PDB file of N, CA and C in Angstrom:
ATOM      1  N   MET A   1      92.806  91.430  83.440  1.00  0.00           N
ATOM      2  CA  MET A   1      92.850  90.367  82.799  1.00  0.00           C
ATOM      3  C   MET A   1      91.422  90.501  83.288  1.00  0.00           C
ATOM      4  N   GLU A   2      90.433  89.937  81.783  1.00  0.00           N
ATOM      5  CA  GLU A   2      89.066  89.722  81.747  1.00  0.00           C
ATOM      6  C   GLU A   2      88.811  88.357  81.989  1.00  0.00           C
ATOM      7  N   PRO A   3      88.198  87.668  82.291  1.00  0.00           N
ATOM      8  CA  PRO A   3      87.935  86.355  82.408  1.00  0.00           C
ATOM      9  C   PRO A   3      87.481  86.112  81.019  1.00  0.00           C
ATOM     10  N   LYS A   4      88.378  85.006  80.447  1.00  0.00           N
ATOM     11  CA  LYS A   4      88.777  84.349  78.948  1.00  0.00           C
ATOM     12  C   LYS A   4      87.150  83.846  78.389  1.00  0.00           C
ATOM     13  N   HIS A   5      86.851  83.223  79.345  1.00  0.00           N
ATOM     14  CA  HIS A   5      84.777  82.430  78.293  1.00  0.00           C
ATOM     15  C   HIS A   5      83.802  83.179  79.128  1.00  0.00           C
ATOM     16  N   LEU A   6      83.992  84.801  79.375  1.00  0.00           N
ATOM     17  CA  LEU A   6      82.479  85.086  78.973  1.00  0.00           C
ATOM     18  C   LEU A   6      83.118  85.944  77.533  1.00  0.00           C
ATOM     19  N   GLU A   7      82.041  85.793  77.041  1.00  0.00           N
ATOM     20  CA  GLU A   7      81.757  86.514  75.801  1.00  0.00           C
ATOM     21  C   GLU A   7      81.607  88.491  75.765  1.00  0.00           C
ATOM     22  N   GLN A   8      80.497  88.247  76.431  1.00  0.00           N
ATOM     23  CA  GLN A   8      80.141  89.465  76.606  1.00  0.00           C
ATOM     24  C   GLN A   8      79.339  89.577  78.453  1.00  0.00           C
ATOM     25  N   THR A   9      79.478  90.362  79.030  1.00  0.00           N
ATOM     26  CA  THR A   9      79.607  90.366  80.291  1.00  0.00           C
ATOM     27  C   THR A   9      78.348  91.759  80.460  1.00  0.00           C
ATOM     28  N   ILE A  10      77.196  91.221  81.353  1.00  0.00           N
ATOM     29  CA  ILE A  10      76.015  92.096  81.432  1.00  0.00           C
ATOM     30  C   ILE A  10      76.165  93.508  82.314  1.00  0.00           C
ATOM     31  N   HIS A  11      76.079  92.264  83.698  1.00  0.00           N
ATOM     32  CA  HIS A  11      76.761  93.564  84.941  1.00  0.00           C
ATOM     33  C   HIS A  11      77.598  93.163  85.547  1.00  0.00           C
ATOM     34  N   ALA A  12      78.266  93.693  85.405  1.00  0.00           N
ATOM     35  CA  ALA A  12      79.863  93.631  86.460  1.00  0.00           C
ATOM     36  C   ALA A  12      79.923  94.174  88.083  1.00  0.00           C
ATOM     37  N   TYR A  13      80.543  93.490  88.127  1.00  0.00           N
ATOM     38  CA  TYR A  13      80.826  94.272  90.075  1.00  0.00           C
ATOM     39  C   TYR A  13      82.482  93.689  90.014  1.00  0.00           C
ATOM     40  N   ILE A  14      83.240  94.574  90.130  1.00  0.00           N
ATOM     41  CA  ILE A  14      84.827  94.749  90.211  1.00  0.00           C
ATOM     42  C   ILE A  14      84.890  94.899  91.845  1.00  0.00           C
ATOM     43  N   ALA A  15      85.708  94.403  92.545  1.00  0.00           N
ATOM     44  CA  ALA A  15      86.484  94.270  94.137  1.00  0.00           C
ATOM     45  C   ALA A  15      88.157  94.330  94.471  1.00  0.00           C
ATOM     46  N   PHE A  16      88.031  95.635  95.162  1.00  0.00           N
ATOM     47  CA  PHE A  16      89.563  95.595  94.990  1.00  0.00           C
ATOM     48  C   PHE A  16      90.042  95.807  96.664  1.00  0.00           C
ATOM     49  N   VAL A  17      91.124  95.505  96.766  1.00  0.00           N
ATOM     50  CA  VAL A  17      91.617  95.737  98.116  1.00  0.00           C
ATOM     51  C   VAL A  17      93.169  96.764  97.717  1.00  0.00           C
ATOM     52  N   GLY A  18      92.927  97.791  98.809  1.00  0.00           N
ATOM     53  CA  GLY A  18      93.629  98.797  97.991  1.00  0.00           C
ATOM     54  C   GLY A  18      93.339  99.389  97.050  1.00  0.00           C
ATOM     55  N   ASP A  19      95.019  99.646  95.446  1.00  0.00           N
ATOM     56  CA  ASP A  19      94.883  99.837  94.645  1.00  0.00           C
ATOM     57  C   ASP A  19      94.542  98.331  94.016  1.00  0.00           C
ATOM     58  N   ASP A  20      94.274  96.995  94.028  1.00  0.00           N
ATOM     59  CA  ASP A  20      94.508  95.915  93.262  1.00  0.00           C
ATOM     60  C   ASP A  20      93.177  95.428  93.141  1.00  0.00           C
ATOM     61  N   ARG A  21      93.168  94.883  91.732  1.00  0.00           N
ATOM     62  CA  ARG A  21      91.800  94.325  91.770  1.00  0.00           C
ATOM     63  C   ARG A  21      91.255  93.042  91.957  1.00  0.00           C
ATOM     64  N   LEU A  22      90.977  92.643  92.772  1.00  0.00           N
ATOM     65  CA  LEU A  22      90.529  91.547  93.432  1.00  0.00           C
ATOM     66  C   LEU A  22      89.734  90.606  92.433  1.00  0.00           C
ATOM     67  N   SER A  23      88.882  91.451  91.673  1.00  0.00           N
ATOM     68  CA  SER A  23      88.260  90.493  91.399  1.00  0.00           C
ATOM     69  C   SER A  23      87.062  91.268  90.358  1.00  0.00           C
ATOM     70  N   VAL A  24      86.675  90.407  89.459  1.00  0.00           N
ATOM     71  CA  VAL A  24      85.304  90.880  88.214  1.00  0.00           C
ATOM     72  C   VAL A  24      84.280  89.531  88.451  1.00  0.00           C
ATOM     73  N   SER A  25      83.035  90.310  89.086  1.00  0.00           N
ATOM     74  CA  SER A  25      82.373  89.243  88.585  1.00  0.00           C
ATOM     75  C   SER A  25      80.885  90.026  87.956  1.00  0.00           C
ATOM     76  N   GLY A  26      80.256  89.134  87.374  1.00  0.00           N
ATOM     77  CA  GLY A  26      79.021  89.528  86.221  1.00  0.00           C
ATOM     78  C   GLY A  26      78.393  88.144  85.820  1.00  0.00           C
ATOM     79  N   ASN A  27      77.169  88.684  85.181  1.00  0.00           N
ATOM     80  CA  ASN A  27      76.032  87.498  84.704  1.00  0.00           C
ATOM     81  C   ASN A  27      76.548  87.734  83.154  1.00  0.00           C
ATOM     82  N   SER A  28      76.751  86.605  81.911  1.00  0.00           N
ATOM     83  CA  SER A  28      77.114  86.619  81.125  1.00  0.00           C
ATOM     84  C   SER A  28      75.768  85.696  80.508  1.00  0.00           C
ATOM     85  N   GLY A  29      74.462  85.620  81.204  1.00  0.00           N
ATOM     86  CA  GLY A  29      73.156  85.150  80.448  1.00  0.00           C
ATOM     87  C   GLY A  29      73.439  83.963  80.753  1.00  0.00           C
ATOM     88  N   ASN A  30      74.348  83.006  81.134  1.00  0.00           N
ATOM     89  CA  ASN A  30      74.026  81.808  81.400  1.00  0.00           C
ATOM     90  C   ASN A  30      73.628  80.876  82.840  1.00  0.00           C
ATOM     91  N   SER A  31      73.094  82.050  83.977  1.00  0.00           N
ATOM     92  CA  SER A  31      72.798  81.799  85.097  1.00  0.00           C
ATOM     93  C   SER A  31      72.522  83.005  85.441  1.00  0.00           C
ATOM     94  N   SER A  32      70.936  82.334  86.402  1.00  0.00           N
ATOM     95  CA  SER A  32      70.181  83.549  87.510  1.00  0.00           C
ATOM     96  C   SER A  32      70.979  85.050  87.960  1.00  0.00           C
ATOM     97  N   GLU A  33      72.283  84.754  88.657  1.00  0.00           N
ATOM     98  CA  GLU A  33      72.537  86.171  88.918  1.00  0.00           C
ATOM     99  C   GLU A  33      74.080  86.440  88.244  1.00  0.00           C
ATOM    100  N   ALA A  34      74.566  87.306  88.934  1.00  0.00           N
ATOM    101  CA  ALA A  34      76.068  87.306  88.932  1.00  0.00           C
ATOM    102  C   ALA A  34      76.805  86.559  90.022  1.00  0.00           C
ATOM    103  N   HIS A  35      78.054  85.924  89.836  1.00  0.00           N
ATOM    104  CA  HIS A  35      78.964  85.624  90.897  1.00  0.00           C
ATOM    105  C   HIS A  35      79.952  85.305  90.225  1.00  0.00           C
ATOM    106  N   LEU A  36      80.955  84.838  90.995  1.00  0.00           N
ATOM    107  CA  LEU A  36      82.504  84.533  91.344  1.00  0.00           C
ATOM    108  C   LEU A  36      82.871  83.569  91.495  1.00  0.00           C
ATOM    109  N   HIS A  37      83.776  82.815  90.858  1.00  0.00           N
ATOM    110  CA  HIS A  37      84.995  81.220  90.946  1.00  0.00           C
ATOM    111  C   HIS A  37      86.276  81.989  90.870  1.00  0.00           C
ATOM    112  N   PHE A  38      86.673  81.777  92.220  1.00  0.00           N
ATOM    113  CA  PHE A  38      88.118  82.115  92.615  1.00  0.00           C
ATOM    114  C   PHE A  38      88.486  80.706  93.106  1.00  0.00           C
ATOM    115  N   HIS A  39      90.236  80.742  92.733  1.00  0.00           N
ATOM    116  CA  HIS A  39      91.036  80.045  93.718  1.00  0.00           C
ATOM    117  C   HIS A  39      91.934  80.257  94.323  1.00  0.00           C
ATOM    118  N   ILE A  40      92.366  79.804  95.691  1.00  0.00           N
ATOM    119  CA  ILE A  40      93.633  80.239  96.216  1.00  0.00           C
ATOM    120  C   ILE A  40      94.768  79.053  95.996  1.00  0.00           C
ATOM    121  N   GLN A  41      95.734  79.231  95.869  1.00  0.00           N
ATOM    122  CA  GLN A  41      96.786  78.373  96.075  1.00  0.00           C
ATOM    123  C   GLN A  41      97.837  78.516  96.755  1.00  0.00           C
ATOM    124  N   ASP A  42      99.034  77.655  97.000  1.00  0.00           N
ATOM    125  CA  ASP A  42     100.488  78.290  97.679  1.00  0.00           C
ATOM    126  C   ASP A  42     101.298  78.518  96.974  1.00  0.00           C
ATOM    127  N   LYS A  43     101.559  78.209  95.289  1.00  0.00           N
ATOM    128  CA  LYS A  43     102.976  78.908  94.841  1.00  0.00           C
ATOM    129  C   LYS A  43     101.769  79.421  93.840  1.00  0.00           C
ATOM    130  N   GLU A  44     102.869  79.995  92.844  1.00  0.00           N
ATOM    131  CA  GLU A  44     102.162  80.813  91.805  1.00  0.00           C
ATOM    132  C   GLU A  44     101.890  79.717  90.087  1.00  0.00           C
ATOM    133  N   ASP A  45     103.222  78.936  90.597  1.00  0.00           N
ATOM    134  CA  ASP A  45     103.320  77.820  89.375  1.00  0.00           C
ATOM    135  C   ASP A  45     101.837  76.828  89.210  1.00  0.00           C
ATOM    136  N   PHE A  46     100.845  76.927  88.826  1.00  0.00           N
ATOM    137  CA  PHE A  46      99.564  76.055  88.906  1.00  0.00           C
ATOM    138  C   PHE A  46      99.380  74.284  88.513  1.00  0.00           C
ATOM    139  N   THR A  47     100.674  74.336  88.206  1.00  0.00           N
ATOM    140  CA  THR A  47     101.257  72.844  88.100  1.00  0.00           C
ATOM    141  C   THR A  47     101.961  71.933  89.225  1.00  0.00           C
ATOM    142  N   MET A  48     102.590  73.087  89.972  1.00  0.00           N
ATOM    143  CA  MET A  48     103.047  72.795  91.227  1.00  0.00           C
ATOM    144  C   MET A  48     102.461  73.093  92.696  1.00  0.00           C
ATOM    145  N   ALA A  49     101.185  73.820  92.666  1.00  0.00           N
ATOM    146  CA  ALA A  49     100.941  74.410  93.520  1.00  0.00           C
ATOM    147  C   ALA A  49      99.480  73.510  94.264  1.00  0.00           C
ATOM    148  N   THR A  50      98.987  73.571  95.700  1.00  0.00           N
ATOM    149  CA  THR A  50      98.283  72.963  96.044  1.00  0.00           C
ATOM    150  C   THR A  50      97.049  74.060  96.772  1.00  0.00           C
ATOM    151  N   GLY A  51      95.753  73.563  96.483  1.00  0.00           N
ATOM    152  CA  GLY A  51      94.606  74.722  96.118  1.00  0.00           C
ATOM    153  C   GLY A  51      94.499  74.809  98.051  1.00  0.00           C
ATOM    154  N   ILE A  52      94.100  75.936  97.963  1.00  0.00           N
ATOM    155  CA  ILE A  52      94.182  76.150  99.999  1.00  0.00           C
ATOM    156  C   ILE A  52      92.502  76.760 100.059  1.00  0.00           C
ATOM    157  N   LYS A  53      91.947  76.253 101.470  1.00  0.00           N
ATOM    158  CA  LYS A  53      90.637  76.149 101.717  1.00  0.00           C
ATOM    159  C   LYS A  53      90.811  77.680 101.999  1.00  0.00           C
ATOM    160  N   CYS A  54      89.320  78.615 101.489  1.00  0.00           N
ATOM    161  CA  CYS A  54      89.353  80.000 101.795  1.00  0.00           C
ATOM    162  C   CYS A  54      88.024  80.286 102.656  1.00  0.00           C
ATOM    163  N   TYR A  55      88.122  80.609 103.908  1.00  0.00           N
ATOM    164  CA  TYR A  55      86.805  80.744 104.960  1.00  0.00           C
ATOM    165  C   TYR A  55      86.550  82.402 104.963  1.00  0.00           C
ATOM    166  N   PHE A  56      85.282  82.653 105.751  1.00  0.00           N
ATOM    167  CA  PHE A  56      84.715  83.891 105.459  1.00  0.00           C
ATOM    168  C   PHE A  56      84.705  84.556 107.068  1.00  0.00           C
ATOM    169  N   ASP A  57      85.003  85.199 107.311  1.00  0.00           N
ATOM    170  CA  ASP A  57      84.476  85.637 108.902  1.00  0.00           C
ATOM    171  C   ASP A  57      83.370  85.510 109.347  1.00  0.00           C
ATOM    172  N   LYS A  58      82.367  86.277 108.535  1.00  0.00           N
ATOM    173  CA  LYS A  58      80.772  86.239 108.780  1.00  0.00           C
ATOM    174  C   LYS A  58      80.065  86.233 107.241  1.00  0.00           C
ATOM    175  N   LEU A  59      79.010  85.720 107.258  1.00  0.00           N
ATOM    176  CA  LEU A  59      78.191  85.166 106.020  1.00  0.00           C
ATOM    177  C   LEU A  59      77.024  84.622 106.355  1.00  0.00           C
ATOM    178  N   LYS A  60      76.243  84.400 105.249  1.00  0.00           N
ATOM    179  CA  LYS A  60      74.725  83.994 106.085  1.00  0.00           C
ATOM    180  C   LYS A  60      74.510  82.911 104.461  1.00  0.00           C
ATOM    181  N   VAL A  61      74.528  81.444 104.893  1.00  0.00           N
ATOM    182  CA  VAL A  61      74.763  80.320 104.168  1.00  0.00           C
ATOM    183  C   VAL A  61      72.979  79.455 104.368  1.00  0.00           C
ATOM    184  N   ASN A  62      72.672  79.754 102.804  1.00  0.00           N
ATOM    185  CA  ASN A  62      71.290  78.939 103.172  1.00  0.00           C
ATOM    186  C   ASN A  62      70.790  79.675 104.022  1.00  0.00           C
ATOM    187  N   GLY A  63      70.623  81.014 104.301  1.00  0.00           N
ATOM    188  CA  GLY A  63      69.495  81.872 105.470  1.00  0.00           C
ATOM    189  C   GLY A  63      70.035  81.988 106.444  1.00  0.00           C
ATOM    190  N   THR A  64      71.038  81.298 107.052  1.00  0.00           N
ATOM    191  CA  THR A  64      72.077  80.911 108.214  1.00  0.00           C
ATOM    192  C   THR A  64      73.030  81.833 108.355  1.00  0.00           C
ATOM    193  N   ALA A  65      73.061  82.483 109.577  1.00  0.00           N
ATOM    194  CA  ALA A  65      74.606  83.346 109.723  1.00  0.00           C
ATOM    195  C   ALA A  65      75.100  82.231 109.627  1.00  0.00           C
ATOM    196  N   GLU A  66      76.591  81.898 109.791  1.00  0.00           N
ATOM    197  CA  GLU A  66      77.912  81.661 109.810  1.00  0.00           C
ATOM    198  C   GLU A  66      78.752  82.258 110.054  1.00  0.00           C
ATOM    199  N   THR A  67      80.007  82.005 110.746  1.00  0.00           N
ATOM    200  CA  THR A  67      81.095  82.135 111.095  1.00  0.00           C
ATOM    201  C   THR A  67      82.393  81.535 110.829  1.00  0.00           C
ATOM    202  N   GLU A  68      82.974  82.134 110.650  1.00  0.00           N
ATOM    203  CA  GLU A  68      84.481  81.313 110.329  1.00  0.00           C
ATOM    204  C   GLU A  68      84.089  80.474 109.042  1.00  0.00           C
ATOM    205  N   TYR A  69      83.085  80.207 108.186  1.00  0.00           N
ATOM    206  CA  TYR A  69      82.674  79.067 106.976  1.00  0.00           C
ATOM    207  C   TYR A  69      83.336  79.439 105.922  1.00  0.00           C
ATOM    208  N   SER A  70      83.996  77.788 105.287  1.00  0.00           N
ATOM    209  CA  SER A  70      84.056  77.666 103.850  1.00  0.00           C
ATOM    210  C   SER A  70      83.247  77.083 103.078  1.00  0.00           C
ATOM    211  N   PRO A  71      82.506  77.866 102.230  1.00  0.00           N
ATOM    212  CA  PRO A  71      81.458  77.297 101.258  1.00  0.00           C
ATOM    213  C   PRO A  71      81.983  76.169 100.889  1.00  0.00           C
ATOM    214  N   ILE A  72      80.537  75.049 100.658  1.00  0.00           N
ATOM    215  CA  ILE A  72      80.981  74.333  99.890  1.00  0.00           C
ATOM    216  C   ILE A  72      79.849  74.493  98.448  1.00  0.00           C
ATOM    217  N   LYS A  73      79.717  73.190  97.477  1.00  0.00           N
ATOM    218  CA  LYS A  73      78.993  73.406  96.537  1.00  0.00           C
ATOM    219  C   LYS A  73      77.530  73.390  96.775  1.00  0.00           C
ATOM    220  N   GLY A  74      76.653  73.854  96.226  1.00  0.00           N
ATOM    221  CA  GLY A  74      75.375  74.184  96.094  1.00  0.00           C
ATOM    222  C   GLY A  74      74.997  75.317  97.076  1.00  0.00           C
ATOM    223  N   ASP A  75      75.910  75.595  98.174  1.00  0.00           N
ATOM    224  CA  ASP A  75      75.267  76.864  99.352  1.00  0.00           C
ATOM    225  C   ASP A  75      75.193  78.325  98.472  1.00  0.00           C
ATOM    226  N   LYS A  76      73.977  78.841  98.809  1.00  0.00           N
ATOM    227  CA  LYS A  76      73.693  80.068  98.684  1.00  0.00           C
ATOM    228  C   LYS A  76      73.957  80.967  99.642  1.00  0.00           C
ATOM    229  N   VAL A  77      75.256  81.734  99.626  1.00  0.00           N
ATOM    230  CA  VAL A  77      75.639  82.737 100.523  1.00  0.00           C
ATOM    231  C   VAL A  77      75.743  83.798 100.101  1.00  0.00           C
ATOM    232  N   SER A  78      75.510  84.969 100.773  1.00  0.00           N
ATOM    233  CA  SER A  78      75.133  86.609 101.378  1.00  0.00           C
ATOM    234  C   SER A  78      75.781  87.544 102.414  1.00  0.00           C
ATOM    235  N   LEU A  79      76.178  88.104 102.654  1.00  0.00           N
ATOM    236  CA  LEU A  79      76.302  89.147 103.229  1.00  0.00           C
ATOM    237  C   LEU A  79      76.284  88.444 104.553  1.00  0.00           C
ATOM    238  N   GLY A  80      76.843  88.595 105.747  1.00  0.00           N
ATOM    239  CA  GLY A  80      76.345  88.030 107.063  1.00  0.00           C
ATOM    240  C   GLY A  80      76.146  89.049 108.065  1.00  0.00           C
ATOM    241  N   ASN A  81      74.854  90.210 107.502  1.00  0.00           N
ATOM    242  CA  ASN A  81      74.468  91.153 108.638  1.00  0.00           C
ATOM    243  C   ASN A  81      74.232  91.238 109.611  1.00  0.00           C
TER     244      ASN A  81
END
């Protein structure tokens, strides 16, 4: 399933886990960089589900290395190398 809000993807990045496509990320021209929005929930039915917080093992947040971190609005994140 392709993102419905994008009329045209300029650059696309696709992430896989095994043979399953996990995400599609791109830049429609309405933002400065390619980015990904995602939501994790405990039930398939969106009307009955509760959102689940996502934590990353290792990443950089606003230039600082973090572990077991859940990003918040406004964070600039990158791989925590």
